[in-house]
Amino acid sequence: MKNKHLTTSIIAAFTFVMTEASQAEETPQKCQINGPDGKSLIKAGKADCAGGGNSCSGSNPEGDPSAWLLLPYGVCEKIKGGVVVK
């Protein structure tokens, strides 16, 4: 009987850990993509949101360094010049 409870507890814990890990990987990240000159490589009006001087979603000017895109988890780190924004 004790072994059955122990096995059930281990399976439940493993399932919880795996569920948490898969949800973390599916969480989108804010990504700023800037070139060597410090200007954004995101085209005008194509950012998901931005900071200084404009509101959100598609109102960024060309080269706005505060503009960012919402990308799947882990994709931003694969882009040259990509920085995850907290």
N, C-alpha and C. Protein backbone atom coordinates (compact mmCIF):
# COMPACT_ATOMS: atom_id res chain seq x y z
N MET A 1 0.82 -1.19 0.00
CA MET A 1 0.00 0.00 0.00
C MET A 1 0.87 1.26 0.00
N LYS A 2 1.96 1.25 0.81
CA LYS A 2 2.85 2.41 0.87
C LYS A 2 3.52 2.64 -0.48
N ASN A 3 3.90 1.55 -1.15
CA ASN A 3 4.55 1.68 -2.45
C ASN A 3 3.60 2.30 -3.48
N LYS A 4 2.33 1.97 -3.39
CA LYS A 4 1.35 2.52 -4.33
C LYS A 4 1.23 4.03 -4.14
N HIS A 5 1.19 4.48 -2.87
CA HIS A 5 1.10 5.92 -2.60
C HIS A 5 2.37 6.64 -3.04
N LEU A 6 3.52 6.00 -2.80
CA LEU A 6 4.78 6.59 -3.19
C LEU A 6 4.86 6.72 -4.71
N THR A 7 4.47 5.67 -5.42
CA THR A 7 4.47 5.70 -6.88
C THR A 7 3.53 6.77 -7.40
N THR A 8 2.35 6.86 -6.83
CA THR A 8 1.38 7.88 -7.24
C THR A 8 1.94 9.28 -7.00
N SER A 9 2.59 9.49 -5.88
CA SER A 9 3.18 10.80 -5.56
C SER A 9 4.29 11.16 -6.53
N ILE A 10 5.12 10.20 -6.86
CA ILE A 10 6.21 10.44 -7.81
C ILE A 10 5.67 10.78 -9.18
N ILE A 11 4.67 10.06 -9.63
CA ILE A 11 4.06 10.34 -10.93
C ILE A 11 3.42 11.72 -10.94
N ALA A 12 2.73 12.08 -9.87
CA ALA A 12 2.09 13.40 -9.78
C ALA A 12 3.14 14.51 -9.80
N ALA A 13 4.23 14.34 -9.08
CA ALA A 13 5.29 15.35 -9.04
C ALA A 13 5.94 15.49 -10.42
N PHE A 14 6.23 14.37 -11.07
CA PHE A 14 6.82 14.40 -12.40
C PHE A 14 5.91 15.11 -13.40
N THR A 15 4.63 14.80 -13.34
CA THR A 15 3.65 15.43 -14.24
C THR A 15 3.61 16.94 -14.01
N PHE A 16 3.62 17.37 -12.75
CA PHE A 16 3.61 18.79 -12.42
C PHE A 16 4.84 19.50 -12.97
N VAL A 17 6.02 18.90 -12.77
CA VAL A 17 7.26 19.51 -13.24
C VAL A 17 7.27 19.61 -14.77
N MET A 18 6.84 18.58 -15.44
CA MET A 18 6.83 18.59 -16.90
C MET A 18 5.82 19.61 -17.44
N THR A 19 4.68 19.76 -16.78
CA THR A 19 3.68 20.73 -17.20
C THR A 19 4.22 22.14 -17.04
N GLU A 20 4.87 22.42 -15.93
CA GLU A 20 5.45 23.75 -15.69
C GLU A 20 6.53 24.05 -16.73
N ALA A 21 7.36 23.09 -17.05
CA ALA A 21 8.44 23.30 -18.02
C ALA A 21 7.88 23.58 -19.41
N SER A 22 6.86 22.85 -19.81
CA SER A 22 6.30 23.07 -21.14
C SER A 22 5.58 24.41 -21.24
N GLN A 23 4.96 24.85 -20.16
CA GLN A 23 4.30 26.16 -20.18
C GLN A 23 5.32 27.28 -20.24
N ALA A 24 6.47 27.13 -19.59
CA ALA A 24 7.50 28.16 -19.63
C ALA A 24 8.04 28.31 -21.04
N GLU A 25 8.18 27.20 -21.76
CA GLU A 25 8.70 27.26 -23.12
C GLU A 25 7.71 27.89 -24.09
N GLU A 26 6.43 27.86 -23.77
CA GLU A 26 5.42 28.42 -24.66
C GLU A 26 5.17 29.90 -24.41
N THR A 27 5.76 30.46 -23.35
CA THR A 27 5.55 31.85 -23.01
C THR A 27 6.27 32.75 -24.00
N PRO A 28 5.54 33.64 -24.67
CA PRO A 28 6.20 34.56 -25.61
C PRO A 28 7.11 35.55 -24.87
N GLN A 29 8.10 36.07 -25.58
CA GLN A 29 9.03 37.03 -25.01
C GLN A 29 9.04 38.30 -25.84
N LYS A 30 9.25 39.44 -25.16
CA LYS A 30 9.43 40.71 -25.84
C LYS A 30 10.88 40.75 -26.34
N CYS A 31 11.06 41.09 -27.60
CA CYS A 31 12.39 41.07 -28.20
C CYS A 31 12.66 42.38 -28.95
N GLN A 32 13.72 43.08 -28.54
CA GLN A 32 14.20 44.24 -29.29
C GLN A 32 15.29 43.76 -30.23
N ILE A 33 15.23 44.22 -31.47
CA ILE A 33 16.22 43.81 -32.45
C ILE A 33 16.87 45.07 -33.01
N ASN A 34 18.09 45.34 -32.56
CA ASN A 34 18.79 46.54 -32.98
C ASN A 34 20.03 46.20 -33.77
N GLY A 35 20.32 47.03 -34.77
CA GLY A 35 21.51 46.85 -35.58
C GLY A 35 22.73 47.41 -34.89
N PRO A 36 23.90 47.33 -35.54
CA PRO A 36 25.14 47.81 -34.94
C PRO A 36 25.12 49.32 -34.65
N ASP A 37 24.32 50.06 -35.38
CA ASP A 37 24.23 51.51 -35.17
C ASP A 37 23.28 51.88 -34.03
N GLY A 38 22.64 50.88 -33.40
CA GLY A 38 21.73 51.12 -32.29
C GLY A 38 20.29 51.35 -32.71
N LYS A 39 20.04 51.46 -34.02
CA LYS A 39 18.68 51.66 -34.52
C LYS A 39 17.98 50.31 -34.66
N SER A 40 16.68 50.34 -34.46
CA SER A 40 15.89 49.12 -34.57
C SER A 40 15.84 48.61 -36.00
N LEU A 41 15.84 47.31 -36.16
CA LEU A 41 15.71 46.70 -37.48
C LEU A 41 14.25 46.37 -37.80
N ILE A 42 13.34 46.72 -36.86
CA ILE A 42 11.92 46.47 -37.07
C ILE A 42 11.36 47.56 -37.98
N LYS A 43 10.67 47.17 -39.03
CA LYS A 43 10.11 48.13 -39.99
C LYS A 43 9.08 49.03 -39.32
N ALA A 44 8.91 50.22 -39.88
CA ALA A 44 7.92 51.17 -39.37
C ALA A 44 6.53 50.55 -39.38
N GLY A 45 5.83 50.70 -38.25
CA GLY A 45 4.47 50.21 -38.14
C GLY A 45 4.33 48.71 -37.94
N LYS A 46 5.44 48.01 -37.73
CA LYS A 46 5.38 46.54 -37.61
C LYS A 46 5.68 46.02 -36.21
N ALA A 47 6.00 46.90 -35.26
CA ALA A 47 6.30 46.45 -33.90
C ALA A 47 5.02 46.08 -33.16
N ASP A 48 5.15 45.18 -32.19
CA ASP A 48 4.00 44.82 -31.36
C ASP A 48 3.73 45.90 -30.33
N CYS A 49 4.76 46.58 -29.90
CA CYS A 49 4.59 47.69 -28.96
C CYS A 49 5.91 48.45 -28.88
N ALA A 50 5.86 49.64 -28.33
CA ALA A 50 7.08 50.43 -28.20
C ALA A 50 6.96 51.41 -27.05
N GLY A 51 8.03 52.10 -26.80
CA GLY A 51 8.06 53.03 -25.69
C GLY A 51 7.93 54.47 -26.13
N GLY A 52 9.01 55.21 -25.99
CA GLY A 52 9.04 56.65 -26.18
C GLY A 52 8.37 57.20 -27.41
N GLY A 53 7.40 58.05 -27.20
CA GLY A 53 6.81 58.81 -28.29
C GLY A 53 5.65 58.17 -29.03
N ASN A 54 5.38 56.91 -28.82
CA ASN A 54 4.23 56.30 -29.48
C ASN A 54 3.56 55.31 -28.53
N SER A 55 2.37 54.92 -28.88
CA SER A 55 1.61 54.06 -27.98
C SER A 55 1.97 52.60 -28.17
N CYS A 56 1.30 51.95 -29.08
CA CYS A 56 1.48 50.51 -29.17
C CYS A 56 1.09 49.98 -30.55
N SER A 57 1.42 48.75 -30.78
CA SER A 57 0.98 47.95 -31.90
C SER A 57 0.88 48.69 -33.23
N GLY A 58 2.00 48.72 -33.93
CA GLY A 58 2.00 49.25 -35.28
C GLY A 58 2.18 50.75 -35.40
N SER A 59 2.56 51.42 -34.33
CA SER A 59 2.72 52.87 -34.43
C SER A 59 4.18 53.31 -34.30
N ASN A 60 5.10 52.36 -34.39
CA ASN A 60 6.51 52.69 -34.25
C ASN A 60 7.08 53.32 -35.52
N PRO A 61 7.95 54.32 -35.38
CA PRO A 61 8.63 54.86 -36.55
C PRO A 61 9.79 53.94 -36.96
N GLU A 62 10.29 54.09 -38.14
CA GLU A 62 11.44 53.33 -38.63
C GLU A 62 12.65 53.63 -37.74
N GLY A 63 13.34 52.60 -37.28
CA GLY A 63 14.56 52.75 -36.50
C GLY A 63 14.36 53.04 -35.03
N ASP A 64 13.14 52.96 -34.51
CA ASP A 64 12.88 53.23 -33.09
C ASP A 64 13.55 52.15 -32.23
N PRO A 65 14.59 52.50 -31.46
CA PRO A 65 15.32 51.49 -30.68
C PRO A 65 14.52 50.91 -29.52
N SER A 66 13.39 51.53 -29.15
CA SER A 66 12.59 50.98 -28.07
C SER A 66 11.48 50.05 -28.56
N ALA A 67 11.34 49.90 -29.87
CA ALA A 67 10.31 49.02 -30.44
C ALA A 67 10.67 47.55 -30.18
N TRP A 68 9.65 46.73 -29.98
CA TRP A 68 9.89 45.30 -29.77
C TRP A 68 8.81 44.45 -30.42
N LEU A 69 9.15 43.19 -30.61
CA LEU A 69 8.24 42.19 -31.16
C LEU A 69 7.99 41.13 -30.11
N LEU A 70 6.81 40.54 -30.13
CA LEU A 70 6.49 39.42 -29.25
C LEU A 70 6.78 38.14 -30.03
N LEU A 71 7.79 37.39 -29.57
CA LEU A 71 8.24 36.19 -30.26
C LEU A 71 8.12 34.97 -29.36
N PRO A 72 8.02 33.78 -29.95
CA PRO A 72 7.99 32.56 -29.13
C PRO A 72 9.25 32.45 -28.27
N TYR A 73 9.10 31.81 -27.12
CA TYR A 73 10.20 31.65 -26.18
C TYR A 73 11.43 31.04 -26.86
N GLY A 74 12.59 31.68 -26.67
CA GLY A 74 13.84 31.17 -27.19
C GLY A 74 14.23 31.65 -28.57
N VAL A 75 13.31 32.29 -29.29
CA VAL A 75 13.61 32.72 -30.66
C VAL A 75 14.48 33.98 -30.66
N CYS A 76 14.24 34.89 -29.73
CA CYS A 76 14.98 36.16 -29.70
C CYS A 76 16.49 35.93 -29.58
N GLU A 77 16.89 34.96 -28.76
CA GLU A 77 18.30 34.71 -28.57
C GLU A 77 18.98 34.18 -29.84
N LYS A 78 18.20 33.70 -30.77
CA LYS A 78 18.75 33.16 -32.02
C LYS A 78 18.96 34.26 -33.07
N ILE A 79 18.45 35.46 -32.82
CA ILE A 79 18.52 36.56 -33.79
C ILE A 79 19.71 37.45 -33.44
N LYS A 80 20.56 37.72 -34.42
CA LYS A 80 21.70 38.61 -34.20
C LYS A 80 21.16 40.01 -33.87
N GLY A 81 21.55 40.54 -32.74
CA GLY A 81 21.06 41.85 -32.31
C GLY A 81 19.80 41.77 -31.48
N GLY A 82 19.27 40.56 -31.27
CA GLY A 82 18.05 40.37 -30.49
C GLY A 82 18.33 40.36 -29.00
N VAL A 83 17.54 41.15 -28.25
CA VAL A 83 17.69 41.24 -26.81
C VAL A 83 16.31 41.06 -26.17
N VAL A 84 16.21 40.13 -25.23
CA VAL A 84 14.94 39.92 -24.52
C VAL A 84 14.71 41.09 -23.57
N VAL A 85 13.51 41.68 -23.66
CA VAL A 85 13.12 42.80 -22.81
C VAL A 85 12.25 42.27 -21.68
N LYS A 86 12.55 42.66 -20.47
CA LYS A 86 11.77 42.21 -19.31
C LYS A 86 10.54 43.05 -19.13
